């Protein structure tokens, strides 16, 4: 009997993931004009850890989809494209330092900690703005964004949402957490 490592998917999990990704890719061609699923799948096929990370994005409700291709590196770029901040990643503070600073009513995890465990990166403000050009995301929720170090050093963190036909980026104490705030990730394959 073969043991499957923690960051590998079973054949059944791979099949389910490829089916979900292909269906989403074909349904949302406006997100990735001029890209072909067969090439994306071929690139994914040989990358066990990235497949595991994509599966984590899927498992936690992120609905990952291809949003671009980097000509220089030859990498496909995936973002969480769920309409609202992924359900399996909400009620988290910003990072481990914020989590440790809470004396009571601690959330279970932090956005940066979860992203690291999943092998993905939290979207930056620029990436979040790019994502919002592909649809309307976070009209009822909000998502933590990668926070510049000068803001974080002062105890803050930034998050974004879509309201009144615009993308808004706000600030909050990094230790705060809300049932309607999670985070969106990116992955390059």
Protein backbone atom coordinates (compact mmCIF):
# COMPACT_ATOMS: atom_id res chain seq x y z
CA UNK A 1 0.00 0.00 0.00
CA UNK A 2 1.40 3.37 -1.04
CA UNK A 3 1.36 6.19 1.47
CA UNK A 4 0.25 9.57 0.15
CA UNK A 5 2.20 12.43 1.68
CA UNK A 6 0.40 15.32 3.31
CA UNK A 7 0.88 17.55 0.25
CA UNK A 8 -0.16 15.06 -2.40
CA UNK A 9 -3.59 14.29 -3.74
CA UNK A 10 -5.06 10.86 -4.35
CA UNK A 11 -5.99 9.98 -7.94
CA UNK A 12 -9.65 10.62 -7.07
CA UNK A 13 -8.86 14.04 -5.56
CA UNK A 14 -6.81 14.99 -8.63
CA UNK A 15 -9.66 13.98 -10.93
CA UNK A 16 -12.21 15.98 -8.90
CA UNK A 17 -9.92 19.03 -8.82
CA UNK A 18 -9.21 18.93 -12.56
CA UNK A 19 -12.93 18.59 -13.25
CA UNK A 20 -13.76 21.63 -11.09
CA UNK A 21 -10.92 23.73 -12.51
CA UNK A 22 -11.74 22.83 -16.13
CA UNK A 23 -15.44 23.58 -15.64
CA UNK A 24 -14.68 26.96 -14.06
CA UNK A 25 -12.08 27.76 -16.75
CA UNK A 26 -14.56 27.04 -19.56
CA UNK A 27 -17.42 28.91 -17.86
CA UNK A 28 -15.33 32.07 -17.31
CA UNK A 29 -13.31 32.52 -20.51
CA UNK A 30 -13.38 36.31 -20.05
CA UNK A 31 -10.94 35.88 -17.14
CA UNK A 32 -8.28 34.30 -19.33
CA UNK A 33 -8.71 35.23 -22.98
CA UNK A 34 -6.33 33.48 -25.39
CA UNK A 35 -5.38 30.75 -22.89
CA UNK A 36 -6.07 27.06 -23.49
CA UNK A 37 -7.15 24.61 -20.80
CA UNK A 38 -5.06 21.76 -22.26
CA UNK A 39 -1.88 23.80 -21.74
CA UNK A 40 -2.90 24.78 -18.21
CA UNK A 41 -3.68 21.15 -17.34
CA UNK A 42 -0.37 19.97 -18.81
CA UNK A 43 1.51 22.49 -16.65
CA UNK A 44 -0.44 21.46 -13.54
CA UNK A 45 -0.06 17.74 -14.13
CA UNK A 46 3.57 17.53 -13.10
CA UNK A 47 3.41 19.83 -10.12
CA UNK A 48 2.24 17.85 -7.10
CA UNK A 49 2.64 20.58 -4.46
CA UNK A 50 0.94 23.27 -6.56
CA UNK A 51 -1.95 20.87 -7.20
CA UNK A 52 -2.23 20.33 -3.47
CA UNK A 53 -2.29 24.12 -2.93
CA UNK A 54 -4.98 24.56 -5.60
CA UNK A 55 -6.99 21.83 -3.91
CA UNK A 56 -6.69 23.69 -0.60
CA UNK A 57 -7.95 26.84 -2.33
CA UNK A 58 -10.87 24.83 -3.69
CA UNK A 59 -11.55 22.98 -0.43
CA UNK A 60 -11.82 26.21 1.55
CA UNK A 61 -14.26 27.79 -0.92
CA UNK A 62 -11.93 29.97 -2.99
CA UNK A 63 -13.00 28.71 -6.42
CA UNK A 64 -9.54 29.24 -7.95
CA UNK A 65 -9.34 30.15 -11.62
CA UNK A 66 -6.66 31.19 -14.09
CA UNK A 67 -6.48 34.98 -14.37
CA UNK A 68 -3.31 35.36 -16.40
CA UNK A 69 -0.10 34.01 -17.84
CA UNK A 70 3.35 35.44 -17.12
CA UNK A 71 5.26 35.39 -20.42
CA UNK A 72 8.62 35.90 -18.68
CA UNK A 73 8.34 32.99 -16.24
CA UNK A 74 5.97 30.75 -18.20
CA UNK A 75 3.66 30.55 -15.17
CA UNK A 76 -0.11 30.52 -15.06
CA UNK A 77 -1.58 32.79 -12.39
CA UNK A 78 -4.51 31.61 -10.28
CA UNK A 79 -6.61 33.80 -7.95
CA UNK A 80 -9.50 32.88 -5.69
CA UNK A 81 -12.53 33.89 -7.76
CA UNK A 82 -15.40 33.04 -5.39
CA UNK A 83 -18.08 35.74 -5.39
CA UNK A 84 -17.51 36.39 -1.68
CA UNK A 85 -14.43 35.93 0.50
CA UNK A 86 -13.86 32.15 0.82
CA UNK A 87 -16.09 30.68 3.55
CA UNK A 88 -13.43 28.33 4.86
CA UNK A 89 -11.05 31.23 5.52
CA UNK A 90 -13.17 33.77 7.39
CA UNK A 91 -13.06 34.95 11.01
CA UNK A 92 -9.28 35.19 10.98
CA UNK A 93 -7.04 38.04 12.05
CA UNK A 94 -4.26 39.27 9.79
CA UNK A 95 -1.07 37.47 10.91
CA UNK A 96 0.54 35.39 13.66
CA UNK A 97 1.77 38.46 15.55
CA UNK A 98 -1.82 39.77 15.66
CA UNK A 99 -3.12 36.35 16.72
CA UNK A 100 -0.59 36.13 19.55
CA UNK A 101 -1.41 39.67 20.72
CA UNK A 102 -5.04 38.79 21.47
CA UNK A 103 -5.53 37.98 25.12
CA UNK A 104 -9.04 36.52 24.78
CA UNK A 105 -11.54 35.57 22.09
CA UNK A 106 -8.74 34.52 19.77
CA UNK A 107 -9.68 33.45 16.26
CA UNK A 108 -8.58 29.98 15.19
CA UNK A 109 -5.98 31.25 12.74
CA UNK A 110 -4.61 34.19 10.78
CA UNK A 111 -4.80 35.02 7.07
CA UNK A 112 -1.02 35.00 6.61
CA UNK A 113 -0.64 31.78 8.63
CA UNK A 114 -3.35 29.94 6.69
CA UNK A 115 -2.00 31.16 3.34
CA UNK A 116 1.47 29.94 4.25
CA UNK A 117 0.15 26.52 5.27
CA UNK A 118 -1.76 26.33 1.98
CA UNK A 119 1.29 27.31 -0.08
CA UNK A 120 -0.37 30.43 -1.52
CA UNK A 121 0.10 34.20 -1.16
CA UNK A 122 -2.49 36.68 0.11
CA UNK A 123 -3.53 39.03 -2.70
CA UNK A 124 -1.87 42.43 -2.78
CA UNK A 125 -3.87 45.63 -3.19
CA UNK A 126 -2.85 45.74 -6.87
CA UNK A 127 -3.85 42.10 -7.46
CA UNK A 128 -7.17 42.71 -5.70
CA UNK A 129 -7.87 45.68 -7.97
CA UNK A 130 -6.99 43.52 -11.01
CA UNK A 131 -9.35 40.81 -9.78
CA UNK A 132 -12.19 43.31 -9.45
CA UNK A 133 -11.83 44.12 -13.18
CA UNK A 134 -12.86 40.52 -13.90
CA UNK A 135 -16.15 40.68 -11.98
CA UNK A 136 -17.68 41.95 -8.79
CA UNK A 137 -16.17 40.25 -5.77
CA UNK A 138 -16.79 40.80 -2.03
CA UNK A 139 -20.04 42.77 -2.36
CA UNK A 140 -21.16 41.37 1.03
CA UNK A 141 -17.81 40.35 2.55
CA UNK A 142 -14.28 41.74 2.69
CA UNK A 143 -10.83 40.22 2.25
CA UNK A 144 -7.56 40.88 4.06
CA UNK A 145 -4.85 42.07 1.65
CA UNK A 146 -1.08 41.77 1.88
CA UNK A 147 -0.19 44.77 4.02
CA UNK A 148 2.84 46.98 3.46
CA UNK A 149 5.36 46.64 6.29
CA UNK A 150 5.17 50.30 7.35
CA UNK A 151 1.43 49.94 8.03
CA UNK A 152 1.88 46.57 9.73
CA UNK A 153 4.64 47.92 11.99
CA UNK A 154 2.13 50.44 13.34
CA UNK A 155 -0.35 47.67 14.18
CA UNK A 156 -2.59 47.99 11.14
CA UNK A 157 -3.55 45.82 8.20
CA UNK A 158 -5.53 46.50 5.04
CA UNK A 159 -8.55 44.81 3.49
CA UNK A 160 -10.72 45.40 0.47
CA UNK A 161 -14.27 44.99 -0.75
CA UNK A 162 -16.64 46.07 -3.54
CA UNK A 163 -19.35 48.56 -2.63
CA UNK A 164 -21.33 51.20 -4.53
CA UNK A 165 -19.74 50.17 -7.82
CA UNK A 166 -16.18 50.72 -6.57
CA UNK A 167 -13.26 48.87 -5.03
CA UNK A 168 -12.51 50.14 -1.54
CA UNK A 169 -9.38 49.46 0.48
CA UNK A 170 -9.58 50.19 4.20
CA UNK A 171 -7.50 49.66 7.31
CA UNK A 172 -8.16 47.91 10.59
CA UNK A 173 -6.18 46.71 13.57
CA UNK A 174 -4.39 43.55 12.44
CA UNK A 175 -5.77 41.64 15.44
CA UNK A 176 -9.41 42.26 14.46
CA UNK A 177 -11.51 39.55 12.86
CA UNK A 178 -15.03 39.34 11.54
CA UNK A 179 -17.38 36.61 10.33
CA UNK A 180 -17.59 38.35 6.94
CA UNK A 181 -13.84 38.89 6.45
CA UNK A 182 -11.49 36.28 5.07
CA UNK A 183 -8.71 36.43 2.53
CA UNK A 184 -8.12 35.65 -1.12
CA UNK A 185 -4.98 34.00 -2.39
CA UNK A 186 -2.89 33.72 -5.50
CA UNK A 187 -0.78 30.89 -6.83
CA UNK A 188 1.67 30.78 -9.71
CA UNK A 189 2.13 27.46 -11.52
